[in-house]
Amino acid sequence: MQRIREDIRVAAIFGPGSRIKPVWFDWRRRKYEIREVTYAWQEREGEATLLHFAVSDGANLFELTWNSASRVWSLAAVEV
């Protein structure tokens, strides 16, 4: 996977409890519809909890990250 680390805009559904499901995201002026969340995990970085999502648009694999402290979404990596 190629590391990207760019802040992005994400539409997500925040469900009961701490459940989050990303639906689509914008990257470099293109909108990507998320067809599948293949894996999700979390880690701590100082005071923040980072939620990672491996997602696919049907052709490419992306790693999205939600920072709970700054409330910012980032595109961490992409595999095309």
PDB file of N, CA and C in Angstrom:
ATOM      1  N   MET A   1       0.845  -1.187   0.000  1.00  0.00           N
ATOM      2  CA  MET A   1       0.000   0.000   0.000  1.00  0.00           C
ATOM      3  C   MET A   1       0.883   1.241   0.000  1.00  0.00           C
ATOM      4  N   GLN A   2       0.412   2.250  -0.681  1.00  0.00           N
ATOM      5  CA  GLN A   2       1.119   3.522  -0.735  1.00  0.00           C
ATOM      6  C   GLN A   2       0.593   4.430   0.371  1.00  0.00           C
ATOM      7  N   ARG A   3       1.485   4.922   1.218  1.00  0.00           N
ATOM      8  CA  ARG A   3       1.104   5.829   2.307  1.00  0.00           C
ATOM      9  C   ARG A   3       0.732   7.191   1.724  1.00  0.00           C
ATOM     10  N   ILE A   4      -0.381   7.758   2.187  1.00  0.00           N
ATOM     11  CA  ILE A   4      -0.869   9.043   1.693  1.00  0.00           C
ATOM     12  C   ILE A   4      -0.858  10.092   2.801  1.00  0.00           C
ATOM     13  N   ARG A   5      -1.609   9.853   3.874  1.00  0.00           N
ATOM     14  CA  ARG A   5      -1.714  10.756   5.028  1.00  0.00           C
ATOM     15  C   ARG A   5      -2.194  12.156   4.640  1.00  0.00           C
ATOM     16  N   GLU A   6      -3.383  12.230   4.048  1.00  0.00           N
ATOM     17  CA  GLU A   6      -4.020  13.499   3.696  1.00  0.00           C
ATOM     18  C   GLU A   6      -5.368  13.576   4.396  1.00  0.00           C
ATOM     19  N   ASP A   7      -5.700  14.759   4.920  1.00  0.00           N
ATOM     20  CA  ASP A   7      -7.020  14.954   5.495  1.00  0.00           C
ATOM     21  C   ASP A   7      -8.045  14.942   4.373  1.00  0.00           C
ATOM     22  N   ILE A   8      -9.189  14.316   4.638  1.00  0.00           N
ATOM     23  CA  ILE A   8     -10.232  14.182   3.626  1.00  0.00           C
ATOM     24  C   ILE A   8     -11.594  14.438   4.257  1.00  0.00           C
ATOM     25  N   ARG A   9     -12.599  14.591   3.383  1.00  0.00           N
ATOM     26  CA  ARG A   9     -13.979  14.726   3.822  1.00  0.00           C
ATOM     27  C   ARG A   9     -14.641  13.363   3.678  1.00  0.00           C
ATOM     28  N   VAL A  10     -15.335  12.922   4.750  1.00  0.00           N
ATOM     29  CA  VAL A  10     -15.967  11.596   4.771  1.00  0.00           C
ATOM     30  C   VAL A  10     -17.411  11.741   5.237  1.00  0.00           C
ATOM     31  N   ALA A  11     -18.305  11.013   4.581  1.00  0.00           N
ATOM     32  CA  ALA A  11     -19.676  10.872   5.076  1.00  0.00           C
ATOM     33  C   ALA A  11     -19.730   9.547   5.807  1.00  0.00           C
ATOM     34  N   ALA A  12     -20.191   9.591   7.047  1.00  0.00           N
ATOM     35  CA  ALA A  12     -20.221   8.376   7.861  1.00  0.00           C
ATOM     36  C   ALA A  12     -21.509   8.322   8.660  1.00  0.00           C
ATOM     37  N   ILE A  13     -21.919   7.109   8.958  1.00  0.00           N
ATOM     38  CA  ILE A  13     -23.083   6.887   9.813  1.00  0.00           C
ATOM     39  C   ILE A  13     -22.558   6.550  11.206  1.00  0.00           C
ATOM     40  N   PHE A  14     -22.957   7.358  12.179  1.00  0.00           N
ATOM     41  CA  PHE A  14     -22.580   7.114  13.566  1.00  0.00           C
ATOM     42  C   PHE A  14     -23.761   6.428  14.229  1.00  0.00           C
ATOM     43  N   GLY A  15     -23.598   5.133  14.526  1.00  0.00           N
ATOM     44  CA  GLY A  15     -24.683   4.332  15.068  1.00  0.00           C
ATOM     45  C   GLY A  15     -24.676   4.305  16.573  1.00  0.00           C
ATOM     46  N   PRO A  16     -25.483   3.403  17.129  1.00  0.00           N
ATOM     47  CA  PRO A  16     -25.517   3.268  18.584  1.00  0.00           C
ATOM     48  C   PRO A  16     -24.141   2.906  19.145  1.00  0.00           C
ATOM     49  N   GLY A  17     -23.884   3.376  20.343  1.00  0.00           N
ATOM     50  CA  GLY A  17     -22.585   3.100  20.960  1.00  0.00           C
ATOM     51  C   GLY A  17     -21.486   3.818  20.208  1.00  0.00           C
ATOM     52  N   SER A  18     -20.407   3.128  19.930  1.00  0.00           N
ATOM     53  CA  SER A  18     -19.273   3.747  19.234  1.00  0.00           C
ATOM     54  C   SER A  18     -19.141   3.248  17.799  1.00  0.00           C
ATOM     55  N   ARG A  19     -20.238   2.718  17.229  1.00  0.00           N
ATOM     56  CA  ARG A  19     -20.194   2.183  15.867  1.00  0.00           C
ATOM     57  C   ARG A  19     -20.151   3.321  14.845  1.00  0.00           C
ATOM     58  N   ILE A  20     -19.199   3.229  13.919  1.00  0.00           N
ATOM     59  CA  ILE A  20     -19.053   4.202  12.837  1.00  0.00           C
ATOM     60  C   ILE A  20     -18.932   3.427  11.531  1.00  0.00           C
ATOM     61  N   LYS A  21     -19.691   3.864  10.523  1.00  0.00           N
ATOM     62  CA  LYS A  21     -19.614   3.220   9.222  1.00  0.00           C
ATOM     63  C   LYS A  21     -19.398   4.293   8.153  1.00  0.00           C
ATOM     64  N   PRO A  22     -18.184   4.383   7.572  1.00  0.00           N
ATOM     65  CA  PRO A  22     -17.961   5.335   6.483  1.00  0.00           C
ATOM     66  C   PRO A  22     -18.756   4.912   5.244  1.00  0.00           C
ATOM     67  N   VAL A  23     -19.338   5.895   4.539  1.00  0.00           N
ATOM     68  CA  VAL A  23     -20.200   5.626   3.394  1.00  0.00           C
ATOM     69  C   VAL A  23     -19.549   6.074   2.083  1.00  0.00           C
ATOM     70  N   TRP A  24     -18.951   7.255   2.093  1.00  0.00           N
ATOM     71  CA  TRP A  24     -18.207   7.758   0.933  1.00  0.00           C
ATOM     72  C   TRP A  24     -17.167   8.761   1.420  1.00  0.00           C
ATOM     73  N   PHE A  25     -16.198   9.066   0.541  1.00  0.00           N
ATOM     74  CA  PHE A  25     -15.205  10.091   0.874  1.00  0.00           C
ATOM     75  C   PHE A  25     -14.747  10.795  -0.394  1.00  0.00           C
ATOM     76  N   ASP A  26     -14.268  12.036  -0.212  1.00  0.00           N
ATOM     77  CA  ASP A  26     -13.695  12.833  -1.298  1.00  0.00           C
ATOM     78  C   ASP A  26     -12.188  12.827  -1.158  1.00  0.00           C
ATOM     79  N   TRP A  27     -11.506  12.593  -2.271  1.00  0.00           N
ATOM     80  CA  TRP A  27     -10.041  12.668  -2.285  1.00  0.00           C
ATOM     81  C   TRP A  27      -9.605  13.201  -3.638  1.00  0.00           C
ATOM     82  N   ARG A  28      -8.868  14.275  -3.602  1.00  0.00           N
ATOM     83  CA  ARG A  28      -8.347  14.909  -4.819  1.00  0.00           C
ATOM     84  C   ARG A  28      -9.459  15.171  -5.834  1.00  0.00           C
ATOM     85  N   ARG A  29     -10.528  15.794  -5.327  1.00  0.00           N
ATOM     86  CA  ARG A  29     -11.679  16.229  -6.142  1.00  0.00           C
ATOM     87  C   ARG A  29     -12.461  15.095  -6.775  1.00  0.00           C
ATOM     88  N   ARG A  30     -12.374  13.913  -6.182  1.00  0.00           N
ATOM     89  CA  ARG A  30     -13.144  12.775  -6.675  1.00  0.00           C
ATOM     90  C   ARG A  30     -13.862  12.116  -5.504  1.00  0.00           C
ATOM     91  N   LYS A  31     -15.117  11.744  -5.734  1.00  0.00           N
ATOM     92  CA  LYS A  31     -15.916  11.092  -4.698  1.00  0.00           C
ATOM     93  C   LYS A  31     -15.842   9.577  -4.881  1.00  0.00           C
ATOM     94  N   TYR A  32     -15.529   8.876  -3.791  1.00  0.00           N
ATOM     95  CA  TYR A  32     -15.426   7.414  -3.791  1.00  0.00           C
ATOM     96  C   TYR A  32     -16.556   6.849  -2.927  1.00  0.00           C
ATOM     97  N   GLU A  33     -17.400   6.029  -3.526  1.00  0.00           N
ATOM     98  CA  GLU A  33     -18.463   5.334  -2.799  1.00  0.00           C
ATOM     99  C   GLU A  33     -17.860   4.083  -2.150  1.00  0.00           C
ATOM    100  N   ILE A  34     -18.069   3.917  -0.871  1.00  0.00           N
ATOM    101  CA  ILE A  34     -17.537   2.760  -0.162  1.00  0.00           C
ATOM    102  C   ILE A  34     -18.528   1.606  -0.302  1.00  0.00           C
ATOM    103  N   ARG A  35     -18.084   0.546  -0.938  1.00  0.00           N
ATOM    104  CA  ARG A  35     -18.936  -0.629  -1.127  1.00  0.00           C
ATOM    105  C   ARG A  35     -18.781  -1.635   0.007  1.00  0.00           C
ATOM    106  N   GLU A  36     -17.584  -1.639   0.632  1.00  0.00           N
ATOM    107  CA  GLU A  36     -17.342  -2.636   1.674  1.00  0.00           C
ATOM    108  C   GLU A  36     -16.300  -2.136   2.666  1.00  0.00           C
ATOM    109  N   VAL A  37     -16.577  -2.352   3.938  1.00  0.00           N
ATOM    110  CA  VAL A  37     -15.573  -2.161   4.987  1.00  0.00           C
ATOM    111  C   VAL A  37     -15.010  -3.548   5.240  1.00  0.00           C
ATOM    112  N   THR A  38     -13.755  -3.758   4.843  1.00  0.00           N
ATOM    113  CA  THR A  38     -13.180  -5.101   4.929  1.00  0.00           C
ATOM    114  C   THR A  38     -12.579  -5.412   6.298  1.00  0.00           C
ATOM    115  N   TYR A  39     -12.168  -4.367   7.028  1.00  0.00           N
ATOM    116  CA  TYR A  39     -11.545  -4.582   8.330  1.00  0.00           C
ATOM    117  C   TYR A  39     -11.555  -3.265   9.090  1.00  0.00           C
ATOM    118  N   ALA A  40     -11.678  -3.312  10.405  1.00  0.00           N
ATOM    119  CA  ALA A  40     -11.625  -2.115  11.242  1.00  0.00           C
ATOM    120  C   ALA A  40     -10.848  -2.433  12.511  1.00  0.00           C
ATOM    121  N   TRP A  41     -10.062  -1.465  12.972  1.00  0.00           N
ATOM    122  CA  TRP A  41      -9.282  -1.642  14.203  1.00  0.00           C
ATOM    123  C   TRP A  41      -9.039  -0.275  14.817  1.00  0.00           C
ATOM    124  N   GLN A  42      -8.549  -0.265  16.031  1.00  0.00           N
ATOM    125  CA  GLN A  42      -8.261   1.002  16.700  1.00  0.00           C
ATOM    126  C   GLN A  42      -6.922   0.943  17.414  1.00  0.00           C
ATOM    127  N   GLU A  43      -6.371   2.137  17.649  1.00  0.00           N
ATOM    128  CA  GLU A  43      -5.123   2.267  18.403  1.00  0.00           C
ATOM    129  C   GLU A  43      -5.139   3.593  19.140  1.00  0.00           C
ATOM    130  N   ARG A  44      -4.270   3.724  20.097  1.00  0.00           N
ATOM    131  CA  ARG A  44      -4.153   4.974  20.869  1.00  0.00           C
ATOM    132  C   ARG A  44      -2.944   5.751  20.381  1.00  0.00           C
ATOM    133  N   GLU A  45      -3.102   7.065  20.320  1.00  0.00           N
ATOM    134  CA  GLU A  45      -1.998   7.972  20.003  1.00  0.00           C
ATOM    135  C   GLU A  45      -2.118   9.150  20.963  1.00  0.00           C
ATOM    136  N   GLY A  46      -1.390   9.058  22.079  1.00  0.00           N
ATOM    137  CA  GLY A  46      -1.527  10.070  23.113  1.00  0.00           C
ATOM    138  C   GLY A  46      -2.926  10.031  23.697  1.00  0.00           C
ATOM    139  N   GLU A  47      -3.605  11.183  23.704  1.00  0.00           N
ATOM    140  CA  GLU A  47      -4.965  11.280  24.228  1.00  0.00           C
ATOM    141  C   GLU A  47      -6.008  10.765  23.244  1.00  0.00           C
ATOM    142  N   ALA A  48      -5.645  10.632  21.976  1.00  0.00           N
ATOM    143  CA  ALA A  48      -6.608  10.296  20.925  1.00  0.00           C
ATOM    144  C   ALA A  48      -6.720   8.796  20.696  1.00  0.00           C
ATOM    145  N   THR A  49      -7.916   8.390  20.356  1.00  0.00           N
ATOM    146  CA  THR A  49      -8.147   7.048  19.834  1.00  0.00           C
ATOM    147  C   THR A  49      -8.256   7.184  18.323  1.00  0.00           C
ATOM    148  N   LEU A  50      -7.485   6.406  17.597  1.00  0.00           N
ATOM    149  CA  LEU A  50      -7.540   6.402  16.141  1.00  0.00           C
ATOM    150  C   LEU A  50      -8.318   5.176  15.698  1.00  0.00           C
ATOM    151  N   LEU A  51      -9.378   5.404  14.938  1.00  0.00           N
ATOM    152  CA  LEU A  51     -10.170   4.312  14.383  1.00  0.00           C
ATOM    153  C   LEU A  51      -9.779   4.153  12.929  1.00  0.00           C
ATOM    154  N   HIS A  52      -9.329   2.971  12.561  1.00  0.00           N
ATOM    155  CA  HIS A  52      -8.885   2.683  11.198  1.00  0.00           C
ATOM    156  C   HIS A  52      -9.925   1.825  10.494  1.00  0.00           C
ATOM    157  N   PHE A  53     -10.146   2.116   9.213  1.00  0.00           N
ATOM    158  CA  PHE A  53     -11.095   1.364   8.403  1.00  0.00           C
ATOM    159  C   PHE A  53     -10.427   1.013   7.082  1.00  0.00           C
ATOM    160  N   ALA A  54     -10.337  -0.268   6.781  1.00  0.00           N
ATOM    161  CA  ALA A  54      -9.903  -0.713   5.454  1.00  0.00           C
ATOM    162  C   ALA A  54     -11.179  -0.813   4.631  1.00  0.00           C
ATOM    163  N   VAL A  55     -11.271  -0.011   3.559  1.00  0.00           N
ATOM    164  CA  VAL A  55     -12.497   0.057   2.761  1.00  0.00           C
ATOM    165  C   VAL A  55     -12.182  -0.147   1.290  1.00  0.00           C
ATOM    166  N   SER A  56     -13.206  -0.563   0.548  1.00  0.00           N
ATOM    167  CA  SER A  56     -13.046  -0.780  -0.883  1.00  0.00           C
ATOM    168  C   SER A  56     -14.180  -0.093  -1.632  1.00  0.00           C
ATOM    169  N   ASP A  57     -13.845   0.453  -2.798  1.00  0.00           N
ATOM    170  CA  ASP A  57     -14.868   1.008  -3.689  1.00  0.00           C
ATOM    171  C   ASP A  57     -15.217   0.012  -4.784  1.00  0.00           C
ATOM    172  N   GLY A  58     -14.755  -1.212  -4.656  1.00  0.00           N
ATOM    173  CA  GLY A  58     -14.986  -2.255  -5.629  1.00  0.00           C
ATOM    174  C   GLY A  58     -13.794  -2.479  -6.542  1.00  0.00           C
ATOM    175  N   ALA A  59     -12.897  -1.490  -6.620  1.00  0.00           N
ATOM    176  CA  ALA A  59     -11.712  -1.603  -7.473  1.00  0.00           C
ATOM    177  C   ALA A  59     -10.425  -1.341  -6.711  1.00  0.00           C
ATOM    178  N   ASN A  60     -10.497  -0.486  -5.707  1.00  0.00           N
ATOM    179  CA  ASN A  60      -9.304  -0.062  -4.964  1.00  0.00           C
ATOM    180  C   ASN A  60      -9.511  -0.309  -3.477  1.00  0.00           C
ATOM    181  N   LEU A  61      -8.404  -0.392  -2.734  1.00  0.00           N
ATOM    182  CA  LEU A  61      -8.442  -0.560  -1.293  1.00  0.00           C
ATOM    183  C   LEU A  61      -7.848   0.686  -0.654  1.00  0.00           C
ATOM    184  N   PHE A  62      -8.540   1.211   0.361  1.00  0.00           N
ATOM    185  CA  PHE A  62      -8.117   2.426   1.048  1.00  0.00           C
ATOM    186  C   PHE A  62      -8.092   2.184   2.546  1.00  0.00           C
ATOM    187  N   GLU A  63      -7.232   2.924   3.237  1.00  0.00           N
ATOM    188  CA  GLU A  63      -7.252   2.923   4.698  1.00  0.00           C
ATOM    189  C   GLU A  63      -7.643   4.320   5.154  1.00  0.00           C
ATOM    190  N   LEU A  64      -8.809   4.428   5.797  1.00  0.00           N
ATOM    191  CA  LEU A  64      -9.291   5.689   6.348  1.00  0.00           C
ATOM    192  C   LEU A  64      -9.060   5.685   7.848  1.00  0.00           C
ATOM    193  N   THR A  65      -8.766   6.854   8.409  1.00  0.00           N
ATOM    194  CA  THR A  65      -8.541   6.971   9.843  1.00  0.00           C
ATOM    195  C   THR A  65      -9.367   8.114  10.414  1.00  0.00           C
ATOM    196  N   TRP A  66     -10.065   7.850  11.511  1.00  0.00           N
ATOM    197  CA  TRP A  66     -10.830   8.850  12.250  1.00  0.00           C
ATOM    198  C   TRP A  66     -10.098   9.118  13.550  1.00  0.00           C
ATOM    199  N   ASN A  67      -9.716  10.384  13.783  1.00  0.00           N
ATOM    200  CA  ASN A  67      -9.036  10.784  15.009  1.00  0.00           C
ATOM    201  C   ASN A  67     -10.098  11.315  15.968  1.00  0.00           C
ATOM    202  N   SER A  68     -10.315  10.616  17.074  1.00  0.00           N
ATOM    203  CA  SER A  68     -11.384  10.983  18.007  1.00  0.00           C
ATOM    204  C   SER A  68     -11.120  12.300  18.730  1.00  0.00           C
ATOM    205  N   ALA A  69      -9.868  12.691  18.890  1.00  0.00           N
ATOM    206  CA  ALA A  69      -9.543  13.931  19.594  1.00  0.00           C
ATOM    207  C   ALA A  69      -9.730  15.150  18.687  1.00  0.00           C
ATOM    208  N   SER A  70      -9.181  15.102  17.484  1.00  0.00           N
ATOM    209  CA  SER A  70      -9.281  16.242  16.572  1.00  0.00           C
ATOM    210  C   SER A  70     -10.532  16.185  15.710  1.00  0.00           C
ATOM    211  N   ARG A  71     -11.185  15.010  15.682  1.00  0.00           N
ATOM    212  CA  ARG A  71     -12.379  14.767  14.860  1.00  0.00           C
ATOM    213  C   ARG A  71     -12.106  15.034  13.383  1.00  0.00           C
ATOM    214  N   VAL A  72     -10.975  14.531  12.940  1.00  0.00           N
ATOM    215  CA  VAL A  72     -10.550  14.692  11.548  1.00  0.00           C
ATOM    216  C   VAL A  72     -10.396  13.319  10.917  1.00  0.00           C
ATOM    217  N   TRP A  73     -10.911  13.180   9.695  1.00  0.00           N
ATOM    218  CA  TRP A  73     -10.712  11.976   8.884  1.00  0.00           C
ATOM    219  C   TRP A  73      -9.477  12.144   8.025  1.00  0.00           C
ATOM    220  N   SER A  74      -8.711  11.081   7.849  1.00  0.00           N
ATOM    221  CA  SER A  74      -7.528  11.096   6.985  1.00  0.00           C
ATOM    222  C   SER A  74      -7.537   9.867   6.107  1.00  0.00           C
ATOM    223  N   LEU A  75      -6.973  10.038   4.911  1.00  0.00           N
ATOM    224  CA  LEU A  75      -6.691   8.899   4.040  1.00  0.00           C
ATOM    225  C   LEU A  75      -5.259   8.504   4.364  1.00  0.00           C
ATOM    226  N   ALA A  76      -5.096   7.353   4.996  1.00  0.00           N
ATOM    227  CA  ALA A  76      -3.778   6.925   5.442  1.00  0.00           C
ATOM    228  C   ALA A  76      -2.997   6.242   4.325  1.00  0.00           C
ATOM    229  N   ALA A  77      -3.700   5.440   3.509  1.00  0.00           N
ATOM    230  CA  ALA A  77      -3.010   4.673   2.463  1.00  0.00           C
ATOM    231  C   ALA A  77      -4.001   4.260   1.384  1.00  0.00           C
ATOM    232  N   VAL A  78      -3.438   3.919   0.218  1.00  0.00           N
ATOM    233  CA  VAL A  78      -4.256   3.458  -0.910  1.00  0.00           C
ATOM    234  C   VAL A  78      -3.504   2.363  -1.659  1.00  0.00           C
ATOM    235  N   GLU A  79      -4.272   1.376  -2.134  1.00  0.00           N
ATOM    236  CA  GLU A  79      -3.708   0.332  -2.999  1.00  0.00           C
ATOM    237  C   GLU A  79      -4.620   0.231  -4.210  1.00  0.00           C
ATOM    238  N   VAL A  80      -4.053   0.562  -5.381  1.00  0.00           N
ATOM    239  CA  VAL A  80      -4.853   0.540  -6.619  1.00  0.00           C
ATOM    240  C   VAL A  80      -4.458  -0.622  -7.505  1.00  0.00           C
TER     241      VAL A  80
END
